[in-house]
PDB file of N, CA and C in Angstrom:
ATOM      1  N   MET A   1     -47.671  14.119 -11.065  1.00  0.00           N
ATOM      2  CA  MET A   1     -46.788  13.419 -10.022  1.00  0.00           C
ATOM      3  C   MET A   1     -45.345  14.640  -9.773  1.00  0.00           C
ATOM      4  N   PRO A   2     -45.134  14.442  -8.471  1.00  0.00           N
ATOM      5  CA  PRO A   2     -43.896  15.049  -8.125  1.00  0.00           C
ATOM      6  C   PRO A   2     -42.745  14.474  -8.375  1.00  0.00           C
ATOM      7  N   ARG A   3     -42.044  15.411  -8.530  1.00  0.00           N
ATOM      8  CA  ARG A   3     -40.147  15.209  -9.254  1.00  0.00           C
ATOM      9  C   ARG A   3     -39.629  14.523  -8.164  1.00  0.00           C
ATOM     10  N   VAL A   4     -38.755  13.524  -8.659  1.00  0.00           N
ATOM     11  CA  VAL A   4     -38.340  12.593  -7.637  1.00  0.00           C
ATOM     12  C   VAL A   4     -36.508  13.200  -7.537  1.00  0.00           C
ATOM     13  N   THR A   5     -36.028  13.438  -6.280  1.00  0.00           N
ATOM     14  CA  THR A   5     -35.229  14.528  -6.195  1.00  0.00           C
ATOM     15  C   THR A   5     -33.620  13.756  -5.647  1.00  0.00           C
ATOM     16  N   ASN A   6     -34.550  12.663  -5.087  1.00  0.00           N
ATOM     17  CA  ASN A   6     -33.251  11.478  -4.469  1.00  0.00           C
ATOM     18  C   ASN A   6     -32.754  12.587  -3.186  1.00  0.00           C
ATOM     19  N   ALA A   7     -33.806  13.075  -2.468  1.00  0.00           N
ATOM     20  CA  ALA A   7     -33.126  14.168  -1.125  1.00  0.00           C
ATOM     21  C   ALA A   7     -32.111  13.377  -0.707  1.00  0.00           C
ATOM     22  N   PRO A   8     -32.284  12.561   0.150  1.00  0.00           N
ATOM     23  CA  PRO A   8     -31.190  12.054   1.227  1.00  0.00           C
ATOM     24  C   PRO A   8     -30.366  11.998   0.746  1.00  0.00           C
ATOM     25  N   ALA A   9     -29.874  11.279  -0.442  1.00  0.00           N
ATOM     26  CA  ALA A   9     -28.440  11.162  -0.860  1.00  0.00           C
ATOM     27  C   ALA A   9     -27.880  12.426  -0.827  1.00  0.00           C
ATOM     28  N   SER A  10     -28.448  13.059  -1.789  1.00  0.00           N
ATOM     29  CA  SER A  10     -28.185  14.694  -2.346  1.00  0.00           C
ATOM     30  C   SER A  10     -28.138  15.624  -1.191  1.00  0.00           C
ATOM     31  N   ARG A  11     -29.017  15.191  -0.196  1.00  0.00           N
ATOM     32  CA  ARG A  11     -28.812  16.301   1.101  1.00  0.00           C
ATOM     33  C   ARG A  11     -27.192  15.435   1.885  1.00  0.00           C
ATOM     34  N   ARG A  12     -27.105  14.340   1.893  1.00  0.00           N
ATOM     35  CA  ARG A  12     -25.674  13.822   2.654  1.00  0.00           C
ATOM     36  C   ARG A  12     -24.824  14.104   1.955  1.00  0.00           C
ATOM     37  N   ARG A  13     -24.947  14.226   0.166  1.00  0.00           N
ATOM     38  CA  ARG A  13     -23.027  14.667  -0.408  1.00  0.00           C
ATOM     39  C   ARG A  13     -23.231  15.942  -0.081  1.00  0.00           C
ATOM     40  N   ARG A  14     -24.298  16.372  -0.141  1.00  0.00           N
ATOM     41  CA  ARG A  14     -23.443  17.990  -0.002  1.00  0.00           C
ATOM     42  C   ARG A  14     -23.449  18.880   1.760  1.00  0.00           C
ATOM     43  N   LYS A  15     -23.661  17.648   2.631  1.00  0.00           N
ATOM     44  CA  LYS A  15     -23.658  18.405   3.843  1.00  0.00           C
ATOM     45  C   LYS A  15     -22.030  17.448   4.123  1.00  0.00           C
ATOM     46  N   ARG A  16     -21.521  16.769   3.691  1.00  0.00           N
ATOM     47  CA  ARG A  16     -20.184  16.191   3.408  1.00  0.00           C
ATOM     48  C   ARG A  16     -19.218  17.193   2.587  1.00  0.00           C
ATOM     49  N   VAL A  17     -19.704  17.798   1.651  1.00  0.00           N
ATOM     50  CA  VAL A  17     -18.828  18.728   1.150  1.00  0.00           C
ATOM     51  C   VAL A  17     -18.458  19.960   2.130  1.00  0.00           C
ATOM     52  N   LEU A  18     -19.638  20.217   2.733  1.00  0.00           N
ATOM     53  CA  LEU A  18     -19.786  21.429   3.226  1.00  0.00           C
ATOM     54  C   LEU A  18     -18.930  21.592   4.692  1.00  0.00           C
ATOM     55  N   ASN A  19     -18.967  19.947   5.035  1.00  0.00           N
ATOM     56  CA  ASN A  19     -18.316  19.974   6.022  1.00  0.00           C
ATOM     57  C   ASN A  19     -16.729  19.608   6.205  1.00  0.00           C
ATOM     58  N   GLU A  20     -16.166  19.380   4.831  1.00  0.00           N
ATOM     59  CA  GLU A  20     -15.201  19.433   4.232  1.00  0.00           C
ATOM     60  C   GLU A  20     -14.550  20.961   4.222  1.00  0.00           C
ATOM     61  N   ALA A  21     -15.279  21.888   3.584  1.00  0.00           N
ATOM     62  CA  ALA A  21     -15.289  22.850   3.482  1.00  0.00           C
ATOM     63  C   ALA A  21     -15.273  24.044   5.024  1.00  0.00           C
ATOM     64  N   LYS A  22     -15.631  23.273   5.700  1.00  0.00           N
ATOM     65  CA  LYS A  22     -15.379  24.099   7.372  1.00  0.00           C
ATOM     66  C   LYS A  22     -14.045  25.259   7.200  1.00  0.00           C
ATOM     67  N   GLY A  23     -14.181  26.328   7.334  1.00  0.00           N
ATOM     68  CA  GLY A  23     -13.289  26.827   7.924  1.00  0.00           C
ATOM     69  C   GLY A  23     -12.503  27.806   6.659  1.00  0.00           C
ATOM     70  N   TYR A  24     -13.112  27.626   5.668  1.00  0.00           N
ATOM     71  CA  TYR A  24     -12.455  28.319   4.311  1.00  0.00           C
ATOM     72  C   TYR A  24     -13.487  29.641   4.449  1.00  0.00           C
ATOM     73  N   PHE A  25     -12.610  30.673   3.749  1.00  0.00           N
ATOM     74  CA  PHE A  25     -13.352  31.955   3.578  1.00  0.00           C
ATOM     75  C   PHE A  25     -14.729  31.927   3.169  1.00  0.00           C
ATOM     76  N   GLY A  26     -15.346  32.830   3.633  1.00  0.00           N
ATOM     77  CA  GLY A  26     -16.678  33.603   3.002  1.00  0.00           C
ATOM     78  C   GLY A  26     -17.406  32.541   2.264  1.00  0.00           C
ATOM     79  N   ASN A  27     -18.037  32.620   1.264  1.00  0.00           N
ATOM     80  CA  ASN A  27     -18.536  31.520   0.419  1.00  0.00           C
ATOM     81  C   ASN A  27     -18.397  30.249   0.689  1.00  0.00           C
ATOM     82  N   LYS A  28     -17.362  30.203   0.258  1.00  0.00           N
ATOM     83  CA  LYS A  28     -16.785  28.673   0.453  1.00  0.00           C
ATOM     84  C   LYS A  28     -17.207  27.869   1.142  1.00  0.00           C
ATOM     85  N   SER A  29     -17.193  28.215   2.067  1.00  0.00           N
ATOM     86  CA  SER A  29     -17.611  27.550   3.862  1.00  0.00           C
ATOM     87  C   SER A  29     -19.444  27.503   3.631  1.00  0.00           C
ATOM     88  N   LYS A  30     -20.032  28.097   3.207  1.00  0.00           N
ATOM     89  CA  LYS A  30     -21.424  28.334   3.150  1.00  0.00           C
ATOM     90  C   LYS A  30     -22.283  27.941   2.061  1.00  0.00           C
ATOM     91  N   LEU A  31     -21.958  27.852   0.967  1.00  0.00           N
ATOM     92  CA  LEU A  31     -22.430  27.645  -0.031  1.00  0.00           C
ATOM     93  C   LEU A  31     -22.353  26.660  -0.597  1.00  0.00           C
ATOM     94  N   TYR A  32     -22.707  25.491  -0.799  1.00  0.00           N
ATOM     95  CA  TYR A  32     -22.812  24.283  -1.936  1.00  0.00           C
ATOM     96  C   TYR A  32     -21.748  24.588  -3.356  1.00  0.00           C
ATOM     97  N   ARG A  33     -22.253  25.528  -3.902  1.00  0.00           N
ATOM     98  CA  ARG A  33     -21.855  25.417  -5.602  1.00  0.00           C
ATOM     99  C   ARG A  33     -20.200  25.756  -5.502  1.00  0.00           C
ATOM    100  N   TYR A  34     -20.062  27.045  -4.521  1.00  0.00           N
ATOM    101  CA  TYR A  34     -18.303  27.472  -4.106  1.00  0.00           C
ATOM    102  C   TYR A  34     -17.774  26.622  -3.337  1.00  0.00           C
ATOM    103  N   ALA A  35     -18.415  25.844  -2.295  1.00  0.00           N
ATOM    104  CA  ALA A  35     -17.804  24.743  -1.501  1.00  0.00           C
ATOM    105  C   ALA A  35     -17.079  23.635  -2.650  1.00  0.00           C
ATOM    106  N   MET A  36     -17.885  23.082  -3.078  1.00  0.00           N
ATOM    107  CA  MET A  36     -17.699  22.379  -4.116  1.00  0.00           C
ATOM    108  C   MET A  36     -16.134  22.930  -4.745  1.00  0.00           C
ATOM    109  N   ASP A  37     -16.245  24.060  -5.533  1.00  0.00           N
ATOM    110  CA  ASP A  37     -15.234  23.956  -6.387  1.00  0.00           C
ATOM    111  C   ASP A  37     -13.793  24.156  -4.957  1.00  0.00           C
ATOM    112  N   ALA A  38     -14.108  25.200  -4.052  1.00  0.00           N
ATOM    113  CA  ALA A  38     -13.032  24.789  -3.186  1.00  0.00           C
ATOM    114  C   ALA A  38     -12.252  23.319  -2.664  1.00  0.00           C
ATOM    115  N   VAL A  39     -13.322  22.884  -2.285  1.00  0.00           N
ATOM    116  CA  VAL A  39     -13.014  21.356  -1.899  1.00  0.00           C
ATOM    117  C   VAL A  39     -12.314  20.321  -3.023  1.00  0.00           C
ATOM    118  N   ASN A  40     -12.815  20.482  -4.774  1.00  0.00           N
ATOM    119  CA  ASN A  40     -11.993  19.710  -5.394  1.00  0.00           C
ATOM    120  C   ASN A  40     -10.976  20.380  -5.094  1.00  0.00           C
ATOM    121  N   HIS A  41     -10.139  21.781  -5.835  1.00  0.00           N
ATOM    122  CA  HIS A  41      -9.213  22.138  -5.661  1.00  0.00           C
ATOM    123  C   HIS A  41      -7.837  22.018  -4.769  1.00  0.00           C
ATOM    124  N   ALA A  42      -8.857  21.996  -3.455  1.00  0.00           N
ATOM    125  CA  ALA A  42      -7.479  21.492  -2.267  1.00  0.00           C
ATOM    126  C   ALA A  42      -7.758  19.931  -2.398  1.00  0.00           C
ATOM    127  N   GLN A  43      -8.395  19.468  -2.962  1.00  0.00           N
ATOM    128  CA  GLN A  43      -8.060  17.865  -2.910  1.00  0.00           C
ATOM    129  C   GLN A  43      -6.598  17.660  -3.900  1.00  0.00           C
ATOM    130  N   GLN A  44      -7.048  18.259  -5.050  1.00  0.00           N
ATOM    131  CA  GLN A  44      -5.956  18.301  -6.028  1.00  0.00           C
ATOM    132  C   GLN A  44      -4.588  18.777  -5.371  1.00  0.00           C
ATOM    133  N   TYR A  45      -4.542  19.880  -5.183  1.00  0.00           N
ATOM    134  CA  TYR A  45      -2.812  20.000  -4.217  1.00  0.00           C
ATOM    135  C   TYR A  45      -2.840  18.986  -3.042  1.00  0.00           C
ATOM    136  N   ALA A  46      -3.925  18.366  -2.245  1.00  0.00           N
ATOM    137  CA  ALA A  46      -3.488  17.369  -1.463  1.00  0.00           C
ATOM    138  C   ALA A  46      -2.891  16.433  -2.097  1.00  0.00           C
ATOM    139  N   TYR A  47      -3.410  15.928  -3.583  1.00  0.00           N
ATOM    140  CA  TYR A  47      -2.559  14.630  -3.957  1.00  0.00           C
ATOM    141  C   TYR A  47      -1.433  15.132  -4.211  1.00  0.00           C
ATOM    142  N   ARG A  48      -1.077  16.292  -5.549  1.00  0.00           N
ATOM    143  CA  ARG A  48       0.205  16.569  -6.063  1.00  0.00           C
ATOM    144  C   ARG A  48       1.276  16.394  -4.573  1.00  0.00           C
ATOM    145  N   ASP A  49       0.840  17.263  -3.427  1.00  0.00           N
ATOM    146  CA  ASP A  49       1.649  17.369  -2.344  1.00  0.00           C
ATOM    147  C   ASP A  49       1.994  16.567  -1.800  1.00  0.00           C
ATOM    148  N   ARG A  50       1.347  15.673  -1.283  1.00  0.00           N
ATOM    149  CA  ARG A  50       2.203  14.264  -0.760  1.00  0.00           C
ATOM    150  C   ARG A  50       2.971  13.607  -1.862  1.00  0.00           C
ATOM    151  N   ARG A  51       2.756  13.982  -3.252  1.00  0.00           N
ATOM    152  CA  ARG A  51       4.189  13.377  -4.031  1.00  0.00           C
ATOM    153  C   ARG A  51       5.321  14.301  -3.999  1.00  0.00           C
ATOM    154  N   ALA A  52       4.982  15.610  -4.156  1.00  0.00           N
ATOM    155  CA  ALA A  52       5.742  16.752  -3.754  1.00  0.00           C
ATOM    156  C   ALA A  52       6.449  16.295  -2.464  1.00  0.00           C
ATOM    157  N   LYS A  53       5.844  16.184  -1.724  1.00  0.00           N
ATOM    158  CA  LYS A  53       6.533  16.069   0.169  1.00  0.00           C
ATOM    159  C   LYS A  53       8.150  15.096  -0.276  1.00  0.00           C
ATOM    160  N   LYS A  54       7.691  13.841  -0.592  1.00  0.00           N
ATOM    161  CA  LYS A  54       8.974  13.305  -0.651  1.00  0.00           C
ATOM    162  C   LYS A  54       9.668  13.743  -2.009  1.00  0.00           C
ATOM    163  N   ARG A  55       9.555  14.495  -2.813  1.00  0.00           N
ATOM    164  CA  ARG A  55      11.339  14.679  -3.318  1.00  0.00           C
ATOM    165  C   ARG A  55      11.952  15.978  -2.070  1.00  0.00           C
ATOM    166  N   THR A  56      10.652  17.035  -1.670  1.00  0.00           N
ATOM    167  CA  THR A  56      11.421  17.744  -0.552  1.00  0.00           C
ATOM    168  C   THR A  56      11.921  16.890   0.173  1.00  0.00           C
ATOM    169  N   TRP A  57      12.008  16.165   0.863  1.00  0.00           N
ATOM    170  CA  TRP A  57      12.590  15.029   1.769  1.00  0.00           C
ATOM    171  C   TRP A  57      13.681  14.531   1.150  1.00  0.00           C
ATOM    172  N   ARG A  58      13.783  14.149   0.349  1.00  0.00           N
ATOM    173  CA  ARG A  58      14.510  13.524   0.097  1.00  0.00           C
ATOM    174  C   ARG A  58      16.116  14.512  -0.621  1.00  0.00           C
ATOM    175  N   ALA A  59      15.450  15.954  -0.703  1.00  0.00           N
ATOM    176  CA  ALA A  59      16.477  16.658  -1.734  1.00  0.00           C
ATOM    177  C   ALA A  59      16.973  17.374   0.096  1.00  0.00           C
ATOM    178  N   LEU A  60      16.493  17.379   0.806  1.00  0.00           N
ATOM    179  CA  LEU A  60      16.999  17.977   2.438  1.00  0.00           C
ATOM    180  C   LEU A  60      18.107  17.276   2.789  1.00  0.00           C
ATOM    181  N   TRP A  61      17.556  15.418   2.932  1.00  0.00           N
ATOM    182  CA  TRP A  61      18.514  14.348   3.076  1.00  0.00           C
ATOM    183  C   TRP A  61      19.847  14.519   2.303  1.00  0.00           C
ATOM    184  N   ILE A  62      19.639  15.105   1.009  1.00  0.00           N
ATOM    185  CA  ILE A  62      20.932  15.234  -0.231  1.00  0.00           C
ATOM    186  C   ILE A  62      21.496  16.196   0.247  1.00  0.00           C
ATOM    187  N   THR A  63      20.814  17.251   0.881  1.00  0.00           N
ATOM    188  CA  THR A  63      21.689  18.786   1.141  1.00  0.00           C
ATOM    189  C   THR A  63      22.418  18.060   2.448  1.00  0.00           C
ATOM    190  N   ARG A  64      22.252  17.509   3.459  1.00  0.00           N
ATOM    191  CA  ARG A  64      22.917  17.345   4.771  1.00  0.00           C
ATOM    192  C   ARG A  64      23.806  16.530   4.642  1.00  0.00           C
ATOM    193  N   ILE A  65      23.443  15.781   3.573  1.00  0.00           N
ATOM    194  CA  ILE A  65      24.586  14.194   3.798  1.00  0.00           C
ATOM    195  C   ILE A  65      26.144  15.095   3.113  1.00  0.00           C
ATOM    196  N   ASN A  66      25.648  15.883   1.842  1.00  0.00           N
ATOM    197  CA  ASN A  66      26.478  16.646   1.356  1.00  0.00           C
ATOM    198  C   ASN A  66      27.314  17.827   1.642  1.00  0.00           C
ATOM    199  N   ALA A  67      26.759  18.227   2.901  1.00  0.00           N
ATOM    200  CA  ALA A  67      27.380  19.313   3.662  1.00  0.00           C
ATOM    201  C   ALA A  67      28.191  18.439   4.615  1.00  0.00           C
ATOM    202  N   GLY A  68      27.853  17.141   5.203  1.00  0.00           N
ATOM    203  CA  GLY A  68      29.163  16.265   5.920  1.00  0.00           C
ATOM    204  C   GLY A  68      29.834  15.964   5.593  1.00  0.00           C
ATOM    205  N   CYS A  69      29.807  15.099   4.144  1.00  0.00           N
ATOM    206  CA  CYS A  69      30.305  14.664   3.030  1.00  0.00           C
ATOM    207  C   CYS A  69      32.026  16.337   2.830  1.00  0.00           C
ATOM    208  N   ARG A  70      31.060  17.307   2.416  1.00  0.00           N
ATOM    209  CA  ARG A  70      32.446  18.697   2.395  1.00  0.00           C
ATOM    210  C   ARG A  70      33.034  18.874   3.568  1.00  0.00           C
ATOM    211  N   ALA A  71      32.746  18.670   4.715  1.00  0.00           N
ATOM    212  CA  ALA A  71      33.159  19.104   5.745  1.00  0.00           C
ATOM    213  C   ALA A  71      34.331  17.999   5.911  1.00  0.00           C
ATOM    214  N   ALA A  72      34.324  16.306   5.387  1.00  0.00           N
ATOM    215  CA  ALA A  72      35.065  15.471   5.818  1.00  0.00           C
ATOM    216  C   ALA A  72      36.027  15.709   4.568  1.00  0.00           C
ATOM    217  N   GLY A  73      35.872  16.394   3.442  1.00  0.00           N
ATOM    218  CA  GLY A  73      36.660  16.213   2.174  1.00  0.00           C
ATOM    219  C   GLY A  73      36.615  15.688   1.384  1.00  0.00           C
ATOM    220  N   ILE A  74      34.927  15.335   1.257  1.00  0.00           N
ATOM    221  CA  ILE A  74      35.198  14.320  -0.492  1.00  0.00           C
ATOM    222  C   ILE A  74      33.750  14.795  -0.488  1.00  0.00           C
ATOM    223  N   THR A  75      33.292  14.657  -2.000  1.00  0.00           N
ATOM    224  CA  THR A  75      32.110  14.833  -2.661  1.00  0.00           C
ATOM    225  C   THR A  75      30.768  14.213  -2.081  1.00  0.00           C
ATOM    226  N   TYR A  76      29.814  14.538  -2.508  1.00  0.00           N
ATOM    227  CA  TYR A  76      28.054  13.452  -2.308  1.00  0.00           C
ATOM    228  C   TYR A  76      28.704  12.439  -3.070  1.00  0.00           C
ATOM    229  N   SER A  77      29.000  13.023  -4.452  1.00  0.00           N
ATOM    230  CA  SER A  77      28.750  11.464  -5.200  1.00  0.00           C
ATOM    231  C   SER A  77      29.238  10.600  -5.159  1.00  0.00           C
ATOM    232  N   ARG A  78      31.201  11.038  -5.108  1.00  0.00           N
ATOM    233  CA  ARG A  78      31.777  10.473  -4.661  1.00  0.00           C
ATOM    234  C   ARG A  78      31.821   9.354  -3.511  1.00  0.00           C
ATOM    235  N   PHE A  79      31.178   9.973  -1.973  1.00  0.00           N
ATOM    236  CA  PHE A  79      30.955   9.209  -0.938  1.00  0.00           C
ATOM    237  C   PHE A  79      29.826   8.477  -1.199  1.00  0.00           C
ATOM    238  N   ILE A  80      28.800   8.742  -2.054  1.00  0.00           N
ATOM    239  CA  ILE A  80      27.441   7.596  -2.617  1.00  0.00           C
ATOM    240  C   ILE A  80      28.419   6.566  -3.575  1.00  0.00           C
ATOM    241  N   GLU A  81      29.286   6.993  -4.058  1.00  0.00           N
ATOM    242  CA  GLU A  81      29.885   5.968  -5.003  1.00  0.00           C
ATOM    243  C   GLU A  81      30.856   4.801  -4.179  1.00  0.00           C
ATOM    244  N   GLY A  82      31.512   5.369  -3.399  1.00  0.00           N
ATOM    245  CA  GLY A  82      32.164   4.283  -2.419  1.00  0.00           C
ATOM    246  C   GLY A  82      31.245   3.752  -1.382  1.00  0.00           C
ATOM    247  N   LEU A  83      30.022   3.994  -0.963  1.00  0.00           N
ATOM    248  CA  LEU A  83      29.941   3.648  -0.007  1.00  0.00           C
ATOM    249  C   LEU A  83      28.768   2.364  -0.909  1.00  0.00           C
ATOM    250  N   ALA A  84      28.674   2.336  -2.380  1.00  0.00           N
ATOM    251  CA  ALA A  84      28.407   1.472  -2.804  1.00  0.00           C
ATOM    252  C   ALA A  84      29.393   0.495  -3.151  1.00  0.00           C
ATOM    253  N   ALA A  85      30.485   0.793  -3.180  1.00  0.00           N
ATOM    254  CA  ALA A  85      31.318   0.057  -3.382  1.00  0.00           C
ATOM    255  C   ALA A  85      31.882  -0.626  -2.227  1.00  0.00           C
ATOM    256  N   ALA A  86      31.502  -0.442  -1.138  1.00  0.00           N
ATOM    257  CA  ALA A  86      31.891  -0.912   0.070  1.00  0.00           C
ATOM    258  C   ALA A  86      30.496  -2.035   0.245  1.00  0.00           C
ATOM    259  N   GLY A  87      29.614  -2.023  -0.156  1.00  0.00           N
ATOM    260  CA  GLY A  87      28.629  -2.824   0.080  1.00  0.00           C
ATOM    261  C   GLY A  87      27.575  -2.161   1.003  1.00  0.00           C
ATOM    262  N   ILE A  88      27.596  -0.960   1.443  1.00  0.00           N
ATOM    263  CA  ILE A  88      27.097  -0.448   2.568  1.00  0.00           C
ATOM    264  C   ILE A  88      25.808   0.279   2.488  1.00  0.00           C
ATOM    265  N   GLU A  89      24.407  -0.470   2.931  1.00  0.00           N
ATOM    266  CA  GLU A  89      23.199  -0.062   2.404  1.00  0.00           C
ATOM    267  C   GLU A  89      22.688   0.558   2.880  1.00  0.00           C
ATOM    268  N   LEU A  90      23.063   1.616   3.284  1.00  0.00           N
ATOM    269  CA  LEU A  90      22.238   2.907   4.234  1.00  0.00           C
ATOM    270  C   LEU A  90      21.312   3.851   3.319  1.00  0.00           C
ATOM    271  N   ASN A  91      19.900   3.617   3.524  1.00  0.00           N
ATOM    272  CA  ASN A  91      19.342   5.101   2.948  1.00  0.00           C
ATOM    273  C   ASN A  91      19.444   6.490   3.155  1.00  0.00           C
ATOM    274  N   ARG A  92      18.719   7.320   2.365  1.00  0.00           N
ATOM    275  CA  ARG A  92      19.748   8.806   2.467  1.00  0.00           C
ATOM    276  C   ARG A  92      19.285   9.102   3.474  1.00  0.00           C
ATOM    277  N   LYS A  93      18.110   8.956   4.297  1.00  0.00           N
ATOM    278  CA  LYS A  93      17.196   9.302   5.084  1.00  0.00           C
ATOM    279  C   LYS A  93      18.039   9.011   6.223  1.00  0.00           C
ATOM    280  N   VAL A  94      19.051   7.842   6.660  1.00  0.00           N
ATOM    281  CA  VAL A  94      19.676   7.380   7.617  1.00  0.00           C
ATOM    282  C   VAL A  94      20.782   8.216   7.445  1.00  0.00           C
ATOM    283  N   LEU A  95      21.421   8.416   6.216  1.00  0.00           N
ATOM    284  CA  LEU A  95      22.500   8.960   5.937  1.00  0.00           C
ATOM    285  C   LEU A  95      22.542  10.031   6.501  1.00  0.00           C
ATOM    286  N   ALA A  96      21.416  10.915   6.238  1.00  0.00           N
ATOM    287  CA  ALA A  96      21.474  12.746   6.730  1.00  0.00           C
ATOM    288  C   ALA A  96      21.681  12.321   8.164  1.00  0.00           C
ATOM    289  N   ASP A  97      20.775  11.271   8.903  1.00  0.00           N
ATOM    290  CA  ASP A  97      20.543  11.635  10.644  1.00  0.00           C
ATOM    291  C   ASP A  97      21.971  11.479  10.815  1.00  0.00           C
ATOM    292  N   ILE A  98      22.889  10.201  10.507  1.00  0.00           N
ATOM    293  CA  ILE A  98      24.168  10.241  11.023  1.00  0.00           C
ATOM    294  C   ILE A  98      24.915  10.905  10.722  1.00  0.00           C
ATOM    295  N   ALA A  99      24.609  12.407   9.913  1.00  0.00           N
ATOM    296  CA  ALA A  99      25.545  13.347   9.004  1.00  0.00           C
ATOM    297  C   ALA A  99      25.322  14.360  10.301  1.00  0.00           C
ATOM    298  N   ALA A 100      23.882  14.558  10.387  1.00  0.00           N
ATOM    299  CA  ALA A 100      23.515  15.959  11.075  1.00  0.00           C
ATOM    300  C   ALA A 100      24.097  15.305  12.637  1.00  0.00           C
ATOM    301  N   ARG A 101      23.628  13.926  13.343  1.00  0.00           N
ATOM    302  CA  ARG A 101      23.952  14.004  14.956  1.00  0.00           C
ATOM    303  C   ARG A 101      25.036  13.502  15.216  1.00  0.00           C
ATOM    304  N   ASP A 102      25.648  12.844  14.200  1.00  0.00           N
ATOM    305  CA  ASP A 102      26.799  12.012  15.108  1.00  0.00           C
ATOM    306  C   ASP A 102      27.901  11.936  13.615  1.00  0.00           C
ATOM    307  N   GLU A 103      28.805  12.419  14.363  1.00  0.00           N
ATOM    308  CA  GLU A 103      30.023  13.122  13.330  1.00  0.00           C
ATOM    309  C   GLU A 103      30.785  11.966  13.278  1.00  0.00           C
ATOM    310  N   ALA A 104      31.121  11.696  14.370  1.00  0.00           N
ATOM    311  CA  ALA A 104      32.376  10.482  14.496  1.00  0.00           C
ATOM    312  C   ALA A 104      31.963   9.047  13.326  1.00  0.00           C
ATOM    313  N   GLY A 105      30.641   9.213  13.584  1.00  0.00           N
ATOM    314  CA  GLY A 105      30.163   7.753  12.810  1.00  0.00           C
ATOM    315  C   GLY A 105      29.834   8.108  11.363  1.00  0.00           C
ATOM    316  N   PHE A 106      29.551   9.546  11.475  1.00  0.00           N
ATOM    317  CA  PHE A 106      29.902   9.876   9.794  1.00  0.00           C
ATOM    318  C   PHE A 106      31.240   9.241   8.994  1.00  0.00           C
ATOM    319  N   ALA A 107      31.875  10.142  10.294  1.00  0.00           N
ATOM    320  CA  ALA A 107      33.911   9.869   9.790  1.00  0.00           C
ATOM    321  C   ALA A 107      33.910   8.795   9.307  1.00  0.00           C
ATOM    322  N   THR A 108      33.779   8.080   9.904  1.00  0.00           N
ATOM    323  CA  THR A 108      33.748   6.303   9.816  1.00  0.00           C
ATOM    324  C   THR A 108      33.261   6.258   8.378  1.00  0.00           C
ATOM    325  N   LEU A 109      32.173   6.730   8.475  1.00  0.00           N
ATOM    326  CA  LEU A 109      31.446   5.854   6.984  1.00  0.00           C
ATOM    327  C   LEU A 109      32.489   6.448   5.757  1.00  0.00           C
ATOM    328  N   VAL A 110      32.558   7.731   6.387  1.00  0.00           N
ATOM    329  CA  VAL A 110      33.219   8.592   4.641  1.00  0.00           C
ATOM    330  C   VAL A 110      34.803   7.453   4.795  1.00  0.00           C
ATOM    331  N   ASP A 111      35.360   7.116   5.964  1.00  0.00           N
ATOM    332  CA  ASP A 111      36.623   6.098   5.541  1.00  0.00           C
ATOM    333  C   ASP A 111      36.417   5.092   4.896  1.00  0.00           C
ATOM    334  N   LYS A 112      35.245   4.573   5.025  1.00  0.00           N
ATOM    335  CA  LYS A 112      35.108   3.289   4.715  1.00  0.00           C
ATOM    336  C   LYS A 112      34.831   3.245   2.949  1.00  0.00           C
ATOM    337  N   ALA A 113      34.417   4.580   3.172  1.00  0.00           N
ATOM    338  CA  ALA A 113      34.078   4.770   1.181  1.00  0.00           C
ATOM    339  C   ALA A 113      34.833   5.401   0.249  1.00  0.00           C
ATOM    340  N   ARG A 114      35.817   5.732   1.480  1.00  0.00           N
ATOM    341  CA  ARG A 114      37.203   6.217   0.389  1.00  0.00           C
ATOM    342  C   ARG A 114      37.926   4.897   0.428  1.00  0.00           C
ATOM    343  N   ALA A 115      37.970   3.980   1.225  1.00  0.00           N
ATOM    344  CA  ALA A 115      38.856   2.683   1.282  1.00  0.00           C
ATOM    345  C   ALA A 115      38.645   2.186   0.259  1.00  0.00           C
ATOM    346  N   ALA A 116      37.185   1.898  -0.343  1.00  0.00           N
ATOM    347  CA  ALA A 116      36.390   1.291  -0.914  1.00  0.00           C
ATOM    348  C   ALA A 116      36.405   1.811  -2.415  1.00  0.00           C
ATOM    349  N   LEU A 117      36.758   3.134  -2.440  1.00  0.00           N
ATOM    350  CA  LEU A 117      36.943   4.108  -3.751  1.00  0.00           C
ATOM    351  C   LEU A 117      38.318   3.590  -4.087  1.00  0.00           C
ATOM    352  N   LYS A 118      39.560   3.211  -2.660  1.00  0.00           N
ATOM    353  CA  LYS A 118      40.938   3.160  -3.287  1.00  0.00           C
ATOM    354  C   LYS A 118      40.975   1.613  -3.891  1.00  0.00           C
ATOM    355  N   THR A 119      40.229   1.055  -3.474  1.00  0.00           N
ATOM    356  CA  THR A 119      39.946  -0.684  -3.914  1.00  0.00           C
ATOM    357  C   THR A 119      39.695  -0.932  -5.427  1.00  0.00           C
ATOM    358  N   LYS A 120      38.685   0.278  -5.310  1.00  0.00           N
ATOM    359  CA  LYS A 120      38.153  -0.098  -6.818  1.00  0.00           C
ATOM    360  C   LYS A 120      38.827   0.856  -7.795  1.00  0.00           C
ATOM    361  N   THR A 121      39.280   1.940  -7.427  1.00  0.00           N
ATOM    362  CA  THR A 121      40.535   2.466  -8.473  1.00  0.00           C
ATOM    363  C   THR A 121      41.998   1.405  -8.505  1.00  0.00           C
ATOM    364  N   GLY A 122      42.121   1.104  -7.941  1.00  0.00           N
ATOM    365  CA  GLY A 122      43.168  -0.498  -8.007  1.00  0.00           C
ATOM    366  C   GLY A 122      42.936  -0.837  -8.922  1.00  0.00           C
ATOM    367  N   ALA A 123      41.689  -1.719  -8.590  1.00  0.00           N
ATOM    368  CA  ALA A 123      41.439  -2.663  -9.745  1.00  0.00           C
ATOM    369  C   ALA A 123      40.950  -2.837 -11.233  1.00  0.00           C
ATOM    370  N   ALA A 124      41.085  -1.617 -10.935  1.00  0.00           N
ATOM    371  CA  ALA A 124      40.420  -1.215 -12.424  1.00  0.00           C
ATOM    372  C   ALA A 124      41.875  -0.768 -13.091  1.00  0.00           C
ATOM    373  N   SER A 125      43.138   0.080 -12.498  1.00  0.00           N
ATOM    374  CA  SER A 125      44.255  -0.207 -13.487  1.00  0.00           C
ATOM    375  C   SER A 125      44.878  -1.075 -13.349  1.00  0.00           C
TER     376      SER A 125
END
């Protein structure tokens, strides 16, 4: 009696892995054993870096906001504190875009943040 190999499913699985490995160098795109390792490795990097990308973008936005703040004569942390005190709820992506493209608009936000900080410190003392 012949050995049962589940050939159609195995072939489909191997074909899928080799299709994903297209463009990889050498054996990694030709031989199933090496393609499997390469594809698994690539998927691990992809999973990790989808999360790392979010951190990277946030760091860039904070850097841009900080540069705009320093040009306006205020620190990033004081600016964010002032916005919170003023009740202005803009996320860092939008703030970074305003800082980079609209200097006058960003200066207005800085003024509002400063005013809110003054009333906050005035109320505390």
